[in-house]
Amino acid sequence: MPPLTFYTKRADQCYGASVTSAGSRLNVTLDAEHAEKLARLAEQAYVQEGTLARSLLSRAIDEADLDGGTMVELLNGIPGALERAQLGRGQGRRGETIPLEEL
């Protein structure tokens, strides 16, 4: 991904096809407060929200320090993550899983 750069809508349309063909698609749901802030920032920068979100996420990933402590802190910040992990582990132990070949 390119560094954090703001593009016009026209440049994004020309540039976007080459990025998406080599990348992967990810859907992200923002809470109302962050969605509103993203919309304001995109409007101020004269870009589409998706373009700005992609650039911000790419930059955050590039700058992320993935040592053990940071990873634990990150995972602890996900609401319900521990409970979902424990549920999945319990389901696996009870054999309540679907073999990968069947997916």
Protein backbone atom coordinates (compact mmCIF):
# COMPACT_ATOMS: atom_id res chain seq x y z
CA MET A 1 0.00 0.00 0.00
CA PRO A 2 1.14 3.55 -0.65
CA PRO A 3 2.02 5.84 2.26
CA LEU A 4 -0.72 7.97 3.78
CA THR A 5 -1.59 10.29 0.92
CA PHE A 6 -4.80 12.08 0.13
CA TYR A 7 -6.15 11.65 -3.40
CA THR A 8 -8.93 13.38 -5.22
CA LYS A 9 -11.95 11.30 -6.15
CA ARG A 10 -10.80 11.22 -9.79
CA ALA A 11 -7.28 10.01 -8.89
CA ASP A 12 -8.75 7.39 -6.56
CA GLN A 13 -10.84 5.96 -9.38
CA CYS A 14 -7.76 5.66 -11.58
CA TYR A 15 -5.55 4.30 -8.81
CA GLY A 16 -8.01 2.06 -6.96
CA ALA A 17 -8.22 -0.76 -9.53
CA SER A 18 -4.52 -1.55 -9.37
CA VAL A 19 -4.54 -1.65 -5.57
CA THR A 20 -7.59 -3.86 -5.21
CA SER A 21 -6.44 -6.38 -7.80
CA ALA A 22 -3.28 -7.12 -5.81
CA GLY A 23 -4.75 -6.69 -2.32
CA SER A 24 -7.45 -8.34 -0.32
CA ARG A 25 -10.83 -7.01 0.72
CA LEU A 26 -11.65 -6.41 4.37
CA ASN A 27 -14.91 -5.11 5.80
CA VAL A 28 -14.62 -3.03 8.96
CA THR A 29 -17.49 -1.79 11.11
CA LEU A 30 -16.86 1.44 13.02
CA ASP A 31 -18.80 2.66 16.01
CA ALA A 32 -20.85 5.81 15.43
CA GLU A 33 -18.24 8.15 16.91
CA HIS A 34 -15.38 6.86 14.74
CA ALA A 35 -17.56 6.68 11.63
CA GLU A 36 -18.53 10.33 12.09
CA LYS A 37 -14.91 11.37 12.61
CA LEU A 38 -13.84 9.43 9.49
CA ALA A 39 -16.60 11.13 7.48
CA ARG A 40 -15.48 14.59 8.68
CA LEU A 41 -11.82 13.88 7.90
CA ALA A 42 -12.64 12.53 4.45
CA GLU A 43 -14.79 15.56 3.67
CA GLN A 44 -12.01 17.92 4.76
CA ALA A 45 -9.49 16.03 2.61
CA TYR A 46 -11.85 15.82 -0.39
CA VAL A 47 -11.55 12.02 -0.59
CA GLN A 48 -13.95 9.13 -0.22
CA GLU A 49 -14.24 7.63 3.25
CA GLY A 50 -13.02 4.23 2.04
CA THR A 51 -9.88 5.77 0.54
CA LEU A 52 -9.03 7.53 3.77
CA ALA A 53 -9.87 4.48 5.90
CA ARG A 54 -7.62 2.29 3.73
CA SER A 55 -4.71 4.73 4.07
CA LEU A 56 -5.18 5.11 7.83
CA LEU A 57 -5.40 1.36 8.38
CA SER A 58 -2.33 0.72 6.21
CA ARG A 59 -0.34 3.28 8.16
CA ALA A 60 -1.45 1.86 11.51
CA ILE A 61 -0.45 -1.65 10.41
CA ASP A 62 2.93 -0.43 9.19
CA GLU A 63 3.58 1.33 12.50
CA ALA A 64 2.29 -1.48 14.72
CA ASP A 65 4.84 -3.01 17.07
CA LEU A 66 3.89 -6.66 17.40
CA ASP A 67 5.81 -7.70 20.50
CA GLY A 68 4.08 -9.94 23.01
CA GLY A 69 3.02 -7.17 25.37
CA THR A 70 1.52 -5.06 22.61
CA MET A 71 -0.37 -8.03 21.20
CA VAL A 72 -1.87 -8.87 24.61
CA GLU A 73 -2.87 -5.23 25.08
CA LEU A 74 -4.44 -5.14 21.63
CA LEU A 75 -6.40 -8.36 22.17
CA ASN A 76 -7.54 -7.24 25.62
CA GLY A 77 -9.03 -4.15 23.98
CA ILE A 78 -11.43 -6.22 21.85
CA PRO A 79 -14.77 -6.45 23.69
CA GLY A 80 -15.70 -10.08 24.37
CA ALA A 81 -12.54 -11.51 22.76
CA LEU A 82 -11.57 -13.65 25.75
CA GLU A 83 -15.07 -15.05 26.10
CA ARG A 84 -15.27 -15.89 22.39
CA ALA A 85 -11.85 -17.58 22.51
CA GLN A 86 -12.89 -19.63 25.54
CA LEU A 87 -16.16 -20.58 23.84
CA GLY A 88 -14.29 -21.70 20.71
CA ARG A 89 -11.82 -23.73 22.74
CA GLY A 90 -14.67 -25.45 24.58
CA GLN A 91 -16.50 -26.18 21.33
CA GLY A 92 -13.32 -27.67 19.88
CA ARG A 93 -12.80 -29.92 22.89
CA ARG A 94 -16.38 -31.15 22.65
CA GLY A 95 -15.98 -31.89 18.94
CA GLU A 96 -18.46 -29.19 17.91
CA THR A 97 -16.40 -28.19 14.89
CA ILE A 98 -16.54 -28.46 11.11
CA PRO A 99 -13.56 -30.06 9.35
CA LEU A 100 -11.74 -27.65 7.04
CA GLU A 101 -12.45 -29.94 4.08
CA GLU A 102 -16.18 -29.31 4.56
CA LEU A 103 -15.91 -25.53 4.45
